[in-house]
Amino acid sequence: MTTLNEVKEFLGQKHIAIAGISRKPQKFGNAIFKELSKKNYHLYPIHREMVNYEGMKCYPDVNALPPEVSALIICTQPAQTTGLVKAAIARNIRQIWLQQGAQNEESIRLAAENNLNLIQKECVLMFAEPSVFIHRFHRGINKFFGKFPK
């Protein structure tokens, strides 16, 4: 289970790549990008075909990211997650957040074998401060039912 210290360690990174940016505005990777961009993070969108997103350069893959990137949020289908985790390991990106629904057993195993700080089964927007009402409400519900990281 994820701990609050692990979440704080991840969110302490200032250069974060986001895999799962989409041309479809309703996709969750886009929502994460928009919210975190308001919170003084330097974000690096990843999409293999898009040249830019929201006026920022889009990177085709993890290997193309600049060296200052120290964290990766993955908002993709589980079938794509393992390749992203392997690429992050090769780039020595030690902080990985698997947004709900992106995780798979192989990625979790790889992260454990390589001593990565892996956050999974949690929504990054519930923890990134300041959070909007709906995320504060969700956090309160999780605390009430004992599902909030300690």
Protein backbone atom coordinates (compact mmCIF):
# COMPACT_ATOMS: atom_id res chain seq x y z
CA MET A 1 0.00 0.00 0.00
CA THR A 2 1.17 3.50 -0.81
CA THR A 3 2.28 5.68 2.11
CA LEU A 4 1.82 9.42 2.53
CA ASN A 5 5.61 9.83 2.62
CA GLU A 6 5.88 8.16 -0.80
CA VAL A 7 3.22 10.52 -2.17
CA LYS A 8 5.05 13.54 -0.72
CA GLU A 9 8.34 12.32 -2.18
CA PHE A 10 6.76 12.03 -5.62
CA LEU A 11 5.05 15.43 -5.42
CA GLY A 12 8.33 16.97 -4.26
CA GLN A 13 9.66 16.50 -7.80
CA LYS A 14 9.33 19.61 -9.94
CA HIS A 15 10.02 18.14 -13.40
CA ILE A 16 7.29 15.63 -14.19
CA ALA A 17 6.49 13.91 -17.47
CA ILE A 18 2.94 12.80 -18.22
CA ALA A 19 2.33 9.82 -20.49
CA GLY A 20 -1.27 9.67 -21.64
CA ILE A 21 -1.81 13.12 -23.07
CA SER A 22 -4.50 12.89 -25.74
CA ARG A 23 -6.13 14.78 -28.58
CA LYS A 24 -9.42 13.96 -26.85
CA PRO A 25 -9.94 16.75 -24.31
CA GLN A 26 -11.90 14.57 -21.85
CA LYS A 27 -9.01 12.15 -21.25
CA PHE A 28 -7.69 12.12 -17.68
CA GLY A 29 -4.05 12.69 -18.65
CA ASN A 30 -5.13 16.06 -20.03
CA ALA A 31 -6.94 16.94 -16.80
CA ILE A 32 -3.84 16.06 -14.78
CA PHE A 33 -1.67 18.19 -17.07
CA LYS A 34 -3.98 21.20 -16.75
CA GLU A 35 -4.26 20.93 -12.96
CA LEU A 36 -0.57 20.37 -12.28
CA SER A 37 0.43 23.17 -14.64
CA LYS A 38 -1.35 25.56 -12.24
CA LYS A 39 0.78 24.29 -9.34
CA ASN A 40 4.30 25.34 -10.41
CA TYR A 41 5.39 22.00 -11.83
CA HIS A 42 7.47 21.84 -14.99
CA LEU A 43 5.52 19.38 -17.11
CA TYR A 44 6.61 17.34 -20.10
CA PRO A 45 3.73 15.85 -22.11
CA ILE A 46 4.40 12.54 -23.85
CA HIS A 47 2.53 11.51 -27.01
CA ARG A 48 4.12 9.60 -29.87
CA GLU A 49 2.39 11.63 -32.61
CA MET A 50 1.60 15.09 -31.21
CA VAL A 51 4.19 17.83 -31.70
CA ASN A 52 2.83 20.08 -28.95
CA TYR A 53 0.14 20.15 -26.31
CA GLU A 54 -1.24 23.29 -24.69
CA GLY A 55 1.59 25.28 -26.30
CA MET A 56 4.30 23.01 -24.90
CA LYS A 57 6.60 20.66 -26.78
CA CYS A 58 5.30 17.09 -26.76
CA TYR A 59 7.87 14.32 -26.43
CA PRO A 60 7.39 11.16 -28.50
CA ASP A 61 8.57 8.83 -25.72
CA VAL A 62 10.38 8.65 -22.39
CA ASN A 63 13.77 8.40 -24.12
CA ALA A 64 13.31 11.85 -25.67
CA LEU A 65 12.71 13.62 -22.32
CA PRO A 66 15.29 16.14 -21.08
CA PRO A 67 17.60 14.95 -18.28
CA GLU A 68 15.97 17.10 -15.57
CA VAL A 69 12.78 15.00 -15.63
CA SER A 70 12.73 13.03 -12.38
CA ALA A 71 9.16 11.74 -12.25
CA LEU A 72 6.63 10.15 -14.57
CA ILE A 73 2.85 9.97 -14.33
CA ILE A 74 1.37 7.20 -16.45
CA CYS A 75 -2.26 7.53 -17.60
CA THR A 76 -2.30 4.91 -20.31
CA GLN A 77 -3.87 1.54 -20.91
CA PRO A 78 -2.15 -1.19 -18.86
CA ALA A 79 -0.77 -2.76 -22.05
CA GLN A 80 1.36 0.37 -22.60
CA THR A 81 2.45 0.79 -19.00
CA THR A 82 5.18 -1.85 -18.88
CA GLY A 83 7.12 -0.28 -21.77
CA LEU A 84 6.90 3.13 -20.10
CA VAL A 85 8.15 1.75 -16.77
CA LYS A 86 11.04 -0.02 -18.53
CA ALA A 87 11.97 3.22 -20.34
CA ALA A 88 11.81 5.15 -17.05
CA ILE A 89 14.14 2.63 -15.40
CA ALA A 90 16.59 2.95 -18.30
CA ARG A 91 16.51 6.76 -17.88
CA ASN A 92 16.93 6.48 -14.09
CA ILE A 93 13.54 8.07 -13.43
CA ARG A 94 12.90 6.76 -9.92
CA GLN A 95 9.47 8.33 -9.24
CA ILE A 96 6.50 6.77 -11.04
CA TRP A 97 2.79 7.34 -10.50
CA LEU A 98 0.47 4.81 -12.13
CA GLN A 99 -2.82 6.64 -12.33
CA GLN A 100 -5.78 4.46 -11.43
CA GLY A 101 -6.41 1.97 -14.21
CA ALA A 102 -2.88 2.11 -15.69
CA GLN A 103 -1.28 -0.51 -13.45
CA ASN A 104 -0.48 -4.08 -14.37
CA GLU A 105 1.37 -6.81 -12.49
CA GLU A 106 4.53 -6.69 -14.60
CA SER A 107 4.96 -2.94 -14.08
CA ILE A 108 4.47 -3.30 -10.35
CA ARG A 109 7.01 -6.13 -10.22
CA LEU A 110 9.55 -4.14 -12.28
CA ALA A 111 9.16 -1.14 -9.99
CA ALA A 112 9.72 -3.28 -6.89
CA GLU A 113 12.75 -5.04 -8.39
CA ASN A 114 14.31 -1.66 -9.25
CA ASN A 115 13.46 0.05 -5.94
CA LEU A 116 11.34 2.74 -7.56
CA ASN A 117 8.99 4.96 -5.63
CA LEU A 118 5.82 3.63 -7.25
CA ILE A 119 2.45 5.16 -6.46
CA GLN A 120 -0.55 3.18 -7.66
CA LYS A 121 -4.30 2.97 -7.10
CA GLU A 122 -4.34 6.64 -6.14
CA CYS A 123 -5.33 9.81 -7.99
CA VAL A 124 -2.55 12.39 -8.16
CA LEU A 125 -5.10 15.23 -8.15
CA MET A 126 -6.32 14.19 -4.72
CA PHE A 127 -2.87 14.98 -3.30
CA ALA A 128 -1.49 17.90 -5.34
CA GLU A 129 -2.11 21.04 -3.33
CA PRO A 130 -4.02 23.20 -3.44
CA SER A 131 -6.72 20.80 -4.54
CA VAL A 132 -10.11 21.70 -5.93
CA PHE A 133 -13.28 20.91 -3.99
CA ILE A 134 -14.07 17.57 -5.62
CA HIS A 135 -10.59 16.23 -4.83
CA ARG A 136 -10.72 17.49 -1.24
CA PHE A 137 -14.12 15.80 -0.91
CA HIS A 138 -12.74 12.53 -2.34
CA ARG A 139 -9.79 12.76 0.07
CA GLY A 140 -12.21 13.23 2.98
CA ILE A 141 -14.24 10.19 1.95
CA ASN A 142 -11.07 8.08 1.72
CA LYS A 143 -9.96 9.25 5.17
CA PHE A 144 -13.38 8.44 6.62
CA PHE A 145 -13.29 4.89 5.23
CA GLY A 146 -9.63 4.32 6.13
CA LYS A 147 -8.42 4.21 2.51
CA PHE A 148 -6.20 7.27 2.70
CA PRO A 149 -2.43 6.60 2.78
CA LYS A 150 -0.77 6.97 6.17
